[in-house]
Amino acid sequence: MSKTKVLIAGAGPTGLTLALWLTRLGVPVRIFDKAAAPGETSRALAVQARTLEFHRQIGIVDDILAEGIRLERLTLHTPAGVAARLPLSDFGRGISRYSFAFALPQDIHERVLITHLERAGVDVERGTELVAFQDKGDAVIATLCRNGKTETVSAAYLAGCDGARSTVRHGLGIGFPGGTYEQAFYVADVKGTGDVTRNGMDTTISTYGFAIVMPVRQSGSLRLIGIVPKAHEADETISFEAIRADIERETGVTIHEVNWFSTYRVHHRVAERFRVGRAFLVGDAGHIHSPAGGQGMNTGMGDAVNLAWKLGAVVQGRADPRLLDSYEPERIAFARKLIESTDTAFRFITSRSKAIGLFRRYLMPKILNALLHTSFGSRAFFGVISQAAIHYRAGPISSGVAGKVSGGDRLPYVVGANGDNFEPLRSLDWQVHVYGEVDCDFRAMLAPTGIPVHAFAWTDAAGKAGLQRDAAYLVRPDGHVALASPVQEASAFQRYLASLAIRPRLAERAPYRVPGTMHSLA
């Protein structure tokens, strides 16, 4: 029987992210997938700012950015012509280092993740299927099958990143309630010509439908998405040629070559549980929803990061196993909220009601145009779309309020001439942030914990971000605030750390992680 610490079923973006984070944390993993090779179609395209922030933490963001396209503008079309042009190049200014919309085909995204995983000495075990598993209380015993041969693996934990038809979810007997939308959709990657916004996204809104055009690859391919015409919805097989004329009319693109075409119906489901014992559901295994807003893949990768640092701490004896109890409530709450919001948006943009269609066609572009050309409107839109607004305030390991920042919030991003306050997050470790002056007694009393205290010079930008001067914030390895305290009271931080038996990583500290480092954002 072979052994590993974490066995990961599924090597899509979610599983690869989990494997890469755990590997960076020094945790042995095995990751396998029943597919013989990585996917070769673009599938998910949107990569949100929060995902890019996570990629920055593990040192791969530059490679990701080099492969994709920054989207500069969203152009809204109606049958009468261009109705609005909405800026996307910097609509999240001040909220994130990655304040733009960004597109990268899923197959290329996976390839970058795989490359970094292989450099770290971990290969994806292809053509390998999970046959059975059993939680023995102190380990999960799994049976894997490859080329007709079976292998028994003992793992401390099992992560089901194996998609909507998850073998892990079925094996755990977890329900997956939800439903399916009635409309059929098409998606195509094509070579074509037309009045397409360069490095942008074009959306055509008509009374009875919508269509989206956006760049797929730097080579010039286009992604087309839309609703299958009602006349063809009931067709047993929907061919591209059958609806080519409708697609070209709706998108304004004359298609010369089709690289990929598929039709599908959208499901919306959230698993009843995200954890049973030593097994976890991550990504599409736990939740699937409409593609509205480009949230699906990013949510799965967010699940993976949330679970990775917690698993790493528990496996390495740096935290009480109770820390793992926080994964499900934090991520299932967001999944349910996301289902609700994307469901509302999806039903609105796909409704065939004439009244809603007329609103979509004539009034919605004017409202969006007015809203997104204001600083407040664009920042609010960015916060939701980018996932920078995700918080765990109601979670079991979130505590306190200081300024406008509560325990569970993503650490506000603050930048100055000499850098930003997200740089220390690359340590993937616990840390304390103070924006202003650090009290000597506070620093001295926290020193025995080994948790570094990062002092940042107070700036107007810190205040605008919602931080409180001289307050203290205990920041988790994923960049969310665990404890926010308006005063530098060491005993509160000691109690928090002791409650979960938290200790910092034993890895050699990088220069910016030396406890007591003074950072200047002025």
Protein backbone atom coordinates (compact mmCIF):
# COMPACT_ATOMS: atom_id res chain seq x y z
CA MET A 1 0.00 0.00 0.00
CA SER A 2 1.43 3.37 -1.04
CA LYS A 3 0.97 6.44 1.15
CA THR A 4 0.54 10.18 0.64
CA LYS A 5 -0.72 13.08 2.69
CA VAL A 6 -3.36 14.41 0.28
CA LEU A 7 -4.88 12.46 -2.61
CA ILE A 8 -6.46 14.72 -5.22
CA ALA A 9 -9.07 13.32 -7.62
CA GLY A 10 -9.32 15.49 -10.74
CA ALA A 11 -6.71 17.58 -12.53
CA GLY A 12 -8.71 20.50 -13.83
CA PRO A 13 -7.93 24.07 -12.67
CA THR A 14 -9.29 23.33 -9.18
CA GLY A 15 -7.30 20.17 -8.56
CA LEU A 16 -4.15 21.64 -10.07
CA THR A 17 -4.45 24.75 -7.89
CA LEU A 18 -4.89 22.62 -4.78
CA ALA A 19 -1.90 20.46 -5.71
CA LEU A 20 0.30 23.47 -6.47
CA TRP A 21 -0.54 25.31 -3.24
CA LEU A 22 -0.01 22.20 -1.13
CA THR A 23 3.29 21.53 -2.89
CA ARG A 24 4.43 25.10 -2.25
CA LEU A 25 3.52 24.51 1.41
CA GLY A 26 5.67 21.38 1.46
CA VAL A 27 2.84 18.85 1.65
CA PRO A 28 3.24 15.58 -0.32
CA VAL A 29 0.37 15.07 -2.78
CA ARG A 30 -0.75 12.71 -5.51
CA ILE A 31 -3.06 14.05 -8.20
CA PHE A 32 -4.76 11.90 -10.84
CA ASP A 33 -7.34 12.23 -13.57
CA LYS A 34 -9.24 9.65 -15.57
CA ALA A 35 -8.69 11.63 -18.79
CA ALA A 36 -5.70 10.48 -20.81
CA ALA A 37 -4.54 14.05 -21.46
CA PRO A 38 -5.32 17.64 -20.45
CA GLY A 39 -8.25 19.34 -22.17
CA GLU A 40 -7.57 21.00 -25.52
CA THR A 41 -10.58 23.32 -25.75
CA SER A 42 -10.78 26.79 -24.25
CA ARG A 43 -13.89 26.23 -22.05
CA ALA A 44 -13.71 28.75 -19.16
CA LEU A 45 -12.13 32.04 -20.21
CA ALA A 46 -12.52 34.64 -17.47
CA VAL A 47 -9.75 34.83 -14.86
CA GLN A 48 -10.81 37.15 -12.07
CA ALA A 49 -8.56 39.48 -10.07
CA ARG A 50 -8.86 37.42 -6.88
CA THR A 51 -7.55 34.38 -8.74
CA LEU A 52 -4.65 36.41 -10.09
CA GLU A 53 -3.89 37.53 -6.52
CA PHE A 54 -3.73 33.89 -5.44
CA HIS A 55 -1.44 33.13 -8.40
CA ARG A 56 0.82 35.97 -7.30
CA GLN A 57 1.14 34.41 -3.85
CA ILE A 58 2.65 31.22 -5.32
CA GLY A 59 4.77 33.03 -7.89
CA ILE A 60 3.06 32.10 -11.16
CA VAL A 61 1.03 35.20 -12.02
CA ASP A 62 3.51 36.61 -14.54
CA ASP A 63 3.36 33.41 -16.59
CA ILE A 64 -0.44 33.51 -16.49
CA LEU A 65 -0.60 37.15 -17.58
CA ALA A 66 1.84 36.53 -20.41
CA GLU A 67 -0.50 33.94 -21.95
CA GLY A 68 -3.80 35.81 -21.84
CA ILE A 69 -5.47 39.01 -22.99
CA ARG A 70 -6.40 42.05 -20.93
CA LEU A 71 -9.88 43.12 -21.94
CA GLU A 72 -10.08 46.87 -22.28
CA ARG A 73 -13.71 47.51 -23.13
CA LEU A 74 -17.17 45.98 -23.09
CA THR A 75 -19.24 47.13 -26.08
CA LEU A 76 -23.01 46.66 -25.90
CA HIS A 77 -24.76 46.27 -29.23
CA THR A 78 -28.46 46.24 -30.08
CA PRO A 79 -30.00 45.67 -33.51
CA ALA A 80 -29.93 49.48 -33.88
CA GLY A 81 -26.15 49.70 -33.33
CA VAL A 82 -23.73 50.37 -30.50
CA ALA A 83 -25.65 51.25 -27.34
CA ALA A 84 -22.79 51.67 -24.84
CA ARG A 85 -19.04 51.30 -24.40
CA LEU A 86 -17.99 50.37 -20.88
CA PRO A 87 -14.37 50.58 -19.65
CA LEU A 88 -12.73 47.39 -18.34
CA SER A 89 -9.02 48.25 -18.51
CA ASP A 90 -8.79 49.77 -15.02
CA PHE A 91 -12.29 49.57 -13.54
CA GLY A 92 -10.98 48.13 -10.26
CA ARG A 93 -8.36 50.81 -9.63
CA GLY A 94 -7.36 50.88 -5.97
CA ILE A 95 -9.07 47.57 -5.18
CA SER A 96 -6.54 45.16 -6.65
CA ARG A 97 -3.20 45.13 -8.43
CA TYR A 98 -5.15 43.35 -11.20
CA SER A 99 -7.76 46.04 -11.80
CA PHE A 100 -8.66 44.88 -15.31
CA ALA A 101 -10.74 42.17 -16.95
CA PHE A 102 -8.62 39.26 -18.13
CA ALA A 103 -9.23 36.34 -20.49
CA LEU A 104 -7.22 33.13 -20.72
CA PRO A 105 -8.50 29.86 -22.24
CA GLN A 106 -8.82 27.09 -19.68
CA ASP A 107 -6.56 24.69 -21.58
CA ILE A 108 -3.70 27.21 -21.57
CA HIS A 109 -4.39 28.06 -17.93
CA GLU A 110 -4.15 24.37 -17.04
CA ARG A 111 -0.95 24.03 -19.03
CA VAL A 112 0.75 26.79 -17.00
CA LEU A 113 -0.37 25.18 -13.73
CA ILE A 114 0.85 21.75 -14.88
CA THR A 115 4.23 23.19 -15.90
CA HIS A 116 4.79 24.69 -12.46
CA LEU A 117 3.58 21.53 -10.75
CA GLU A 118 6.01 19.42 -12.80
CA ARG A 119 8.85 21.80 -11.95
CA ALA A 120 8.02 21.12 -8.31
CA GLY A 121 8.36 17.38 -8.96
CA VAL A 122 4.68 16.41 -9.15
CA ASP A 123 3.25 14.71 -12.24
CA VAL A 124 -0.46 14.28 -12.93
CA GLU A 125 -1.26 10.56 -13.07
CA ARG A 126 -3.30 10.33 -16.27
CA GLY A 127 -5.79 7.62 -17.25
CA THR A 128 -6.29 6.86 -13.57
CA GLU A 129 -9.72 6.38 -12.01
CA LEU A 130 -10.95 6.29 -8.43
CA VAL A 131 -12.71 2.93 -8.04
CA ALA A 132 -13.55 3.01 -4.33
CA PHE A 133 -12.53 4.65 -1.07
CA GLN A 134 -13.20 4.27 2.63
CA ASP A 135 -12.61 6.61 5.55
CA LYS A 136 -10.97 4.55 8.30
CA GLY A 137 -10.96 7.38 10.81
CA ASP A 138 -7.22 7.91 10.79
CA ALA A 139 -6.78 7.72 7.00
CA VAL A 140 -8.64 7.34 3.71
CA ILE A 141 -7.96 4.07 1.90
CA ALA A 142 -8.54 4.51 -1.85
CA THR A 143 -8.43 2.07 -4.74
CA LEU A 144 -7.14 3.48 -8.02
CA CYS A 145 -7.27 1.78 -11.42
CA ARG A 146 -4.93 2.45 -14.33
CA ASN A 147 -4.59 0.36 -17.48
CA GLY A 148 -6.59 -2.41 -15.86
CA LYS A 149 -4.31 -2.56 -12.81
CA THR A 150 -5.45 -1.51 -9.34
CA GLU A 151 -3.47 0.16 -6.58
CA THR A 152 -4.36 0.80 -2.95
CA VAL A 153 -3.40 4.19 -1.55
CA SER A 154 -3.51 5.39 2.04
CA ALA A 155 -3.97 9.17 2.33
CA ALA A 156 -4.46 11.44 5.30
CA TYR A 157 -7.12 13.32 3.28
CA LEU A 158 -9.00 12.96 -0.01
CA ALA A 159 -10.01 15.97 -2.11
CA GLY A 160 -12.74 15.47 -4.71
CA CYS A 161 -11.93 17.96 -7.49
CA ASP A 162 -13.53 15.61 -10.00
CA GLY A 163 -16.27 17.74 -11.48
CA ALA A 164 -20.03 17.78 -11.65
CA ARG A 165 -20.27 13.97 -11.87
CA SER A 166 -17.89 13.60 -8.92
CA THR A 167 -17.07 10.03 -7.92
CA VAL A 168 -16.05 11.35 -4.50
CA ARG A 169 -19.42 13.06 -3.98
CA HIS A 170 -21.29 9.92 -5.04
CA GLY A 171 -19.09 7.80 -2.79
CA LEU A 172 -19.88 10.02 0.17
CA GLY A 173 -23.61 9.85 -0.58
CA ILE A 174 -23.94 13.64 -0.64
CA GLY A 175 -27.00 15.09 -2.36
CA PHE A 176 -26.61 17.60 -5.19
CA PRO A 177 -29.93 19.47 -5.31
CA GLY A 178 -30.75 22.03 -7.98
CA GLY A 179 -32.03 22.04 -11.52
CA THR A 180 -31.43 22.76 -15.19
CA TYR A 181 -32.33 25.89 -17.17
CA GLU A 182 -34.66 25.35 -20.09
CA GLN A 183 -32.60 27.26 -22.68
CA ALA A 184 -29.94 25.51 -24.72
CA PHE A 185 -26.69 27.39 -25.34
CA TYR A 186 -24.03 27.25 -27.99
CA VAL A 187 -20.35 27.99 -27.59
CA ALA A 188 -17.86 28.16 -30.44
CA ASP A 189 -14.24 29.11 -30.99
CA VAL A 190 -13.89 30.44 -34.52
CA LYS A 191 -11.80 32.41 -36.94
CA GLY A 192 -13.90 35.20 -38.35
CA THR A 193 -14.24 38.84 -39.28
CA GLY A 194 -16.61 41.60 -38.28
CA ASP A 195 -17.00 44.76 -36.25
CA VAL A 196 -15.31 43.28 -33.18
CA THR A 197 -13.76 45.38 -30.38
CA ARG A 198 -10.01 44.84 -30.32
CA ASN A 199 -8.95 43.38 -26.95
CA GLY A 200 -12.50 43.74 -25.75
CA MET A 201 -15.81 41.97 -25.34
CA ASP A 202 -18.86 42.55 -27.53
CA THR A 203 -22.33 41.74 -26.28
CA THR A 204 -25.37 41.91 -28.52
CA ILE A 205 -28.68 42.35 -26.74
CA SER A 206 -31.89 41.73 -28.61
CA THR A 207 -35.49 41.51 -27.47
CA TYR A 208 -35.40 37.71 -27.34
CA GLY A 209 -31.79 36.84 -26.63
CA PHE A 210 -28.16 37.79 -26.37
CA ALA A 211 -24.77 36.85 -27.79
CA ILE A 212 -21.19 37.42 -26.65
CA VAL A 213 -18.02 37.77 -28.70
CA MET A 214 -14.61 37.87 -27.04
CA PRO A 215 -11.00 37.04 -27.94
CA VAL A 216 -9.83 33.55 -27.02
CA ARG A 217 -6.17 33.45 -27.86
CA GLN A 218 -3.51 35.93 -28.80
CA SER A 219 -3.55 34.34 -32.26
CA GLY A 220 -6.88 35.99 -33.00
CA SER A 221 -9.54 33.31 -32.44
CA LEU A 222 -12.95 34.46 -31.21
CA ARG A 223 -15.24 32.88 -28.62
CA LEU A 224 -18.94 33.08 -29.49
CA ILE A 225 -21.62 32.36 -26.88
CA GLY A 226 -25.36 32.64 -27.23
CA ILE A 227 -28.77 31.08 -26.93
CA VAL A 228 -29.72 28.36 -29.41
CA PRO A 229 -32.61 29.67 -31.52
CA LYS A 230 -35.94 28.40 -30.24
CA ALA A 231 -36.64 26.65 -33.54
CA HIS A 232 -33.67 24.32 -32.92
CA GLU A 233 -33.87 23.84 -29.14
CA ALA A 234 -35.65 20.51 -29.46
CA ASP A 235 -33.28 19.13 -32.14
CA GLU A 236 -31.75 15.83 -31.04
CA THR A 237 -28.39 17.00 -32.39
CA ILE A 238 -27.74 20.71 -32.92
CA SER A 239 -25.17 21.21 -35.64
CA PHE A 240 -23.22 24.39 -36.21
CA GLU A 241 -24.42 24.71 -39.81
CA ALA A 242 -28.04 24.51 -38.68
CA ILE A 243 -27.67 27.70 -36.66
CA ARG A 244 -24.76 29.38 -38.48
CA ALA A 245 -26.98 32.09 -39.99
CA ASP A 246 -28.50 32.91 -36.60
CA ILE A 247 -25.06 33.08 -34.98
CA GLU A 248 -23.65 35.35 -37.66
CA ARG A 249 -26.67 37.63 -37.50
CA GLU A 250 -26.62 37.88 -33.68
CA THR A 251 -22.85 38.31 -33.29
CA GLY A 252 -22.09 40.32 -36.41
CA VAL A 253 -19.21 37.93 -37.14
CA THR A 254 -18.69 36.30 -40.54
CA ILE A 255 -17.27 32.89 -39.66
CA HIS A 256 -14.48 31.45 -41.82
CA GLU A 257 -13.32 28.52 -39.71
CA VAL A 258 -14.78 26.63 -36.73
CA ASN A 259 -12.22 25.26 -34.26
CA TRP A 260 -14.69 24.05 -31.66
CA PHE A 261 -18.47 24.01 -31.33
CA SER A 262 -20.67 22.66 -28.59
CA THR A 263 -24.15 23.07 -27.20
CA TYR A 264 -25.19 22.52 -23.61
CA ARG A 265 -27.79 23.20 -20.99
CA VAL A 266 -26.78 25.00 -17.82
CA HIS A 267 -27.27 23.41 -14.42
CA HIS A 268 -27.45 25.11 -11.04
CA ARG A 269 -26.67 22.92 -8.03
CA VAL A 270 -24.94 23.07 -4.65
CA ALA A 271 -23.96 19.94 -2.74
CA GLU A 272 -25.58 19.46 0.66
CA ARG A 273 -22.16 19.05 2.25
CA PHE A 274 -18.61 19.99 1.25
CA ARG A 275 -16.98 17.65 3.75
CA VAL A 276 -17.50 14.26 5.33
CA GLY A 277 -14.73 13.15 7.68
CA ARG A 278 -11.42 13.14 5.82
CA ALA A 279 -12.94 13.76 2.38
CA PHE A 280 -13.71 17.15 0.85
CA LEU A 281 -15.59 18.39 -2.21
CA VAL A 282 -13.87 21.18 -4.13
CA GLY A 283 -14.95 23.12 -7.23
CA ASP A 284 -17.59 21.70 -9.57
CA ALA A 285 -17.88 18.59 -7.41
CA GLY A 286 -19.59 20.83 -4.87
CA HIS A 287 -21.30 23.51 -6.96
CA ILE A 288 -22.23 24.26 -10.56
CA HIS A 289 -24.05 27.31 -11.82
CA SER A 290 -24.68 29.53 -14.80
CA PRO A 291 -21.70 31.08 -16.63
CA ALA A 292 -23.03 34.58 -15.86
CA GLY A 293 -20.13 36.75 -14.76
CA GLY A 294 -17.40 34.18 -15.40
CA GLN A 295 -17.43 32.89 -11.82
CA GLY A 296 -17.35 29.09 -12.08
CA MET A 297 -13.70 28.18 -12.55
CA ASN A 298 -12.56 31.03 -10.30
CA THR A 299 -14.84 29.85 -7.50
CA GLY A 300 -13.38 26.34 -7.73
CA MET A 301 -9.86 27.71 -7.53
CA GLY A 302 -10.91 29.82 -4.55
CA ASP A 303 -12.19 26.64 -2.87
CA ALA A 304 -8.81 25.04 -3.50
CA VAL A 305 -6.85 27.89 -1.91
CA ASN A 306 -9.18 28.00 1.11
CA LEU A 307 -8.69 24.27 1.68
CA ALA A 308 -4.97 24.12 0.82
CA TRP A 309 -3.57 26.29 3.59
CA LYS A 310 -5.82 24.64 6.16
CA LEU A 311 -4.85 21.12 5.08
CA GLY A 312 -1.20 22.16 5.00
CA ALA A 313 -1.32 23.48 8.57
CA VAL A 314 -3.11 20.41 9.94
CA VAL A 315 -1.02 17.84 8.06
CA GLN A 316 2.19 19.50 9.25
CA GLY A 317 0.99 19.76 12.85
CA ARG A 318 0.82 23.57 12.75
CA ALA A 319 -2.87 23.79 13.65
CA ASP A 320 -5.56 21.83 15.43
CA PRO A 321 -7.61 19.61 13.05
CA ARG A 322 -10.63 21.72 14.04
CA LEU A 323 -9.29 24.33 11.61
CA LEU A 324 -10.60 22.11 8.80
CA ASP A 325 -14.13 22.52 10.17
CA SER A 326 -14.10 26.07 8.77
CA TYR A 327 -13.75 25.00 5.11
CA GLU A 328 -17.35 23.94 4.56
CA PRO A 329 -19.16 26.88 6.22
CA GLU A 330 -16.92 29.43 4.52
CA ARG A 331 -17.13 28.04 1.02
CA ILE A 332 -20.64 26.57 0.98
CA ALA A 333 -22.06 29.93 2.10
CA PHE A 334 -20.40 31.65 -0.84
CA ALA A 335 -21.47 28.92 -3.27
CA ARG A 336 -25.11 29.31 -2.21
CA LYS A 337 -24.92 33.09 -2.50
CA LEU A 338 -23.31 32.78 -5.92
CA ILE A 339 -25.99 30.38 -7.15
CA GLU A 340 -28.67 32.85 -6.06
CA SER A 341 -27.05 35.87 -7.72
CA THR A 342 -26.01 34.16 -10.97
CA ASP A 343 -29.44 32.53 -11.17
CA THR A 344 -31.13 35.93 -11.01
CA ALA A 345 -28.76 37.43 -13.59
CA PHE A 346 -29.03 34.41 -15.86
CA ARG A 347 -32.82 34.33 -15.86
CA PHE A 348 -32.86 38.03 -16.66
CA ILE A 349 -30.46 37.88 -19.60
CA THR A 350 -32.06 34.74 -21.07
CA SER A 351 -35.72 35.57 -20.48
CA ARG A 352 -37.92 35.44 -23.57
CA SER A 353 -40.49 37.71 -21.95
CA LYS A 354 -41.16 40.57 -24.36
CA ALA A 355 -41.31 43.15 -21.53
CA ILE A 356 -37.95 42.04 -20.06
CA GLY A 357 -36.52 41.81 -23.57
CA LEU A 358 -37.48 45.39 -24.33
CA PHE A 359 -35.96 46.54 -21.03
CA ARG A 360 -32.76 44.62 -21.84
CA ARG A 361 -32.57 46.12 -25.30
CA TYR A 362 -33.43 49.77 -24.65
CA LEU A 363 -32.97 50.67 -20.98
CA MET A 364 -30.29 48.34 -19.61
CA PRO A 365 -27.45 49.68 -21.82
CA LYS A 366 -28.25 53.26 -20.75
CA ILE A 367 -28.28 52.28 -17.05
CA LEU A 368 -25.00 50.37 -17.31
CA ASN A 369 -23.41 53.16 -19.29
CA ALA A 370 -24.30 55.73 -16.64
CA LEU A 371 -23.34 53.46 -13.73
CA LEU A 372 -20.00 52.14 -14.94
CA HIS A 373 -18.72 55.56 -15.94
CA THR A 374 -18.79 56.59 -12.27
CA SER A 375 -16.02 55.66 -9.83
CA PHE A 376 -18.52 54.22 -7.33
CA GLY A 377 -20.34 52.17 -9.94
CA SER A 378 -17.26 50.72 -11.61
CA ARG A 379 -15.65 49.84 -8.25
CA ALA A 380 -18.82 48.16 -7.01
CA PHE A 381 -19.13 46.17 -10.24
CA PHE A 382 -15.47 45.17 -10.04
CA GLY A 383 -15.80 44.05 -6.42
CA VAL A 384 -18.56 41.62 -7.30
CA ILE A 385 -17.21 40.32 -10.61
CA SER A 386 -13.57 40.07 -9.50
CA GLN A 387 -14.42 38.11 -6.31
CA ALA A 388 -12.46 40.69 -4.32
CA ALA A 389 -15.60 41.29 -2.26
CA ILE A 390 -15.81 37.68 -0.99
CA HIS A 391 -15.75 37.59 2.81
CA TYR A 392 -16.17 35.08 5.62
CA ARG A 393 -17.52 37.40 8.32
CA ALA A 394 -20.00 34.78 9.53
CA GLY A 395 -17.38 32.05 9.47
CA PRO A 396 -16.26 30.20 12.61
CA ILE A 397 -12.67 31.54 12.54
CA SER A 398 -13.44 35.22 11.90
CA SER A 399 -13.40 37.75 14.72
CA GLY A 400 -13.41 41.47 15.45
CA VAL A 401 -13.81 44.79 13.61
CA ALA A 402 -11.28 47.61 13.14
CA GLY A 403 -12.19 50.55 10.95
CA LYS A 404 -14.35 49.24 8.12
CA VAL A 405 -12.55 45.88 8.10
CA SER A 406 -14.09 42.86 9.81
CA GLY A 407 -12.63 39.48 10.55
CA GLY A 408 -13.25 37.36 7.45
CA ASP A 409 -12.77 40.22 4.97
CA ARG A 410 -10.15 40.04 2.26
CA LEU A 411 -7.26 42.23 3.37
CA PRO A 412 -7.77 45.64 1.71
CA TYR A 413 -5.19 46.33 -0.98
CA VAL A 414 -2.98 49.36 -0.33
CA VAL A 415 -0.28 50.56 -2.70
CA GLY A 416 2.34 53.28 -2.56
CA ALA A 417 5.51 54.35 -4.31
CA ASN A 418 7.53 51.61 -2.62
CA GLY A 419 5.23 48.63 -3.15
CA ASP A 420 2.01 47.19 -1.79
CA ASN A 421 0.83 45.39 1.33
CA PHE A 422 0.12 42.12 -0.54
CA GLU A 423 3.82 41.40 -1.08
CA PRO A 424 4.26 39.70 2.34
CA LEU A 425 1.37 37.35 1.50
CA ARG A 426 3.78 35.44 -0.73
CA SER A 427 5.03 33.75 2.45
CA LEU A 428 1.77 31.71 2.51
CA ASP A 429 1.89 32.16 6.26
CA TRP A 430 0.10 33.86 9.14
CA GLN A 431 1.14 37.46 9.80
CA VAL A 432 0.08 40.57 11.68
CA HIS A 433 -0.34 43.90 9.88
CA VAL A 434 -0.29 47.30 11.56
CA TYR A 435 -0.82 50.49 9.57
CA GLY A 436 0.83 53.17 11.68
CA GLU A 437 2.98 52.70 14.78
CA VAL A 438 3.61 49.32 16.43
CA ASP A 439 3.59 49.31 20.21
CA CYS A 440 6.85 47.84 21.56
CA ASP A 441 5.07 45.71 24.18
CA PHE A 442 2.68 44.34 21.55
CA ARG A 443 5.60 43.32 19.35
CA ALA A 444 7.53 41.79 22.25
CA MET A 445 4.58 39.78 23.53
CA LEU A 446 3.83 38.38 20.07
CA ALA A 447 7.46 37.46 19.38
CA PRO A 448 7.24 34.02 21.09
CA THR A 449 4.44 33.00 18.71
CA GLY A 450 6.79 33.32 15.73
CA ILE A 451 4.12 35.24 13.80
CA PRO A 452 5.79 38.19 12.01
CA VAL A 453 4.48 41.71 12.60
CA HIS A 454 4.52 43.86 9.47
CA ALA A 455 4.36 47.60 10.15
CA PHE A 456 3.23 49.81 7.28
CA ALA A 457 3.53 53.58 7.39
CA TRP A 458 0.09 55.17 7.69
CA THR A 459 -1.17 56.79 4.48
CA ASP A 460 -4.39 58.32 3.23
CA ALA A 461 -4.69 55.31 0.93
CA ALA A 462 -4.81 52.99 3.94
CA GLY A 463 -7.62 55.04 5.43
CA LYS A 464 -9.56 55.10 2.16
CA ALA A 465 -9.22 51.32 1.97
CA GLY A 466 -11.06 51.04 5.29
CA LEU A 467 -8.12 50.28 7.58
CA GLN A 468 -7.82 51.93 10.99
CA ARG A 469 -4.66 53.73 12.05
CA ASP A 470 -2.59 51.76 14.62
CA ALA A 471 -5.13 48.91 14.63
CA ALA A 472 -3.80 45.35 14.36
CA TYR A 473 -4.94 42.73 11.85
CA LEU A 474 -4.11 39.02 12.02
CA VAL A 475 -3.97 37.90 8.39
CA ARG A 476 -4.49 34.30 7.27
CA PRO A 477 -2.26 32.59 4.67
CA ASP A 478 -4.92 33.21 2.00
CA GLY A 479 -4.94 36.98 2.56
CA HIS A 480 -8.19 37.15 4.53
CA VAL A 481 -8.28 38.87 7.91
CA ALA A 482 -8.79 36.40 10.75
CA LEU A 483 -8.86 38.85 13.66
CA ALA A 484 -9.31 42.62 13.44
CA SER A 485 -8.53 44.58 16.61
CA PRO A 486 -8.83 48.37 16.97
CA VAL A 487 -6.17 48.23 19.70
CA GLN A 488 -2.86 46.38 19.84
CA GLU A 489 -3.83 43.96 22.57
CA ALA A 490 -1.44 41.01 22.38
CA SER A 491 -3.54 38.78 24.64
CA ALA A 492 -6.41 38.78 22.10
CA PHE A 493 -4.04 37.56 19.39
CA GLN A 494 -2.47 34.99 21.71
CA ARG A 495 -5.90 33.61 22.62
CA TYR A 496 -6.90 33.38 18.96
CA LEU A 497 -3.71 31.54 17.97
CA ALA A 498 -3.96 29.22 20.97
CA SER A 499 -7.62 28.38 20.25
CA LEU A 500 -6.58 26.68 17.00
CA ALA A 501 -3.03 25.75 18.08
CA ILE A 502 -1.67 27.88 15.20
CA ARG A 503 2.08 27.98 14.62
CA PRO A 504 3.91 29.60 11.70
CA ARG A 505 5.58 27.58 8.97
CA LEU A 506 9.04 26.21 9.64
CA ALA A 507 10.26 27.10 6.15
CA GLU A 508 13.12 29.58 5.90
CA ARG A 509 11.75 33.09 5.95
CA ALA A 510 12.27 35.36 2.97
CA PRO A 511 13.80 38.80 3.75
CA TYR A 512 10.44 40.57 3.64
CA ARG A 513 9.10 38.16 6.25
CA VAL A 514 11.49 38.96 9.09
CA PRO A 515 9.32 39.78 12.15
CA GLY A 516 9.24 43.48 12.78
CA THR A 517 9.94 44.55 9.22
CA MET A 518 8.89 48.13 8.53
CA HIS A 519 7.16 48.71 5.22
CA SER A 520 6.67 52.10 3.65
CA LEU A 521 3.75 52.66 1.31
CA ALA A 522 4.18 56.43 1.31
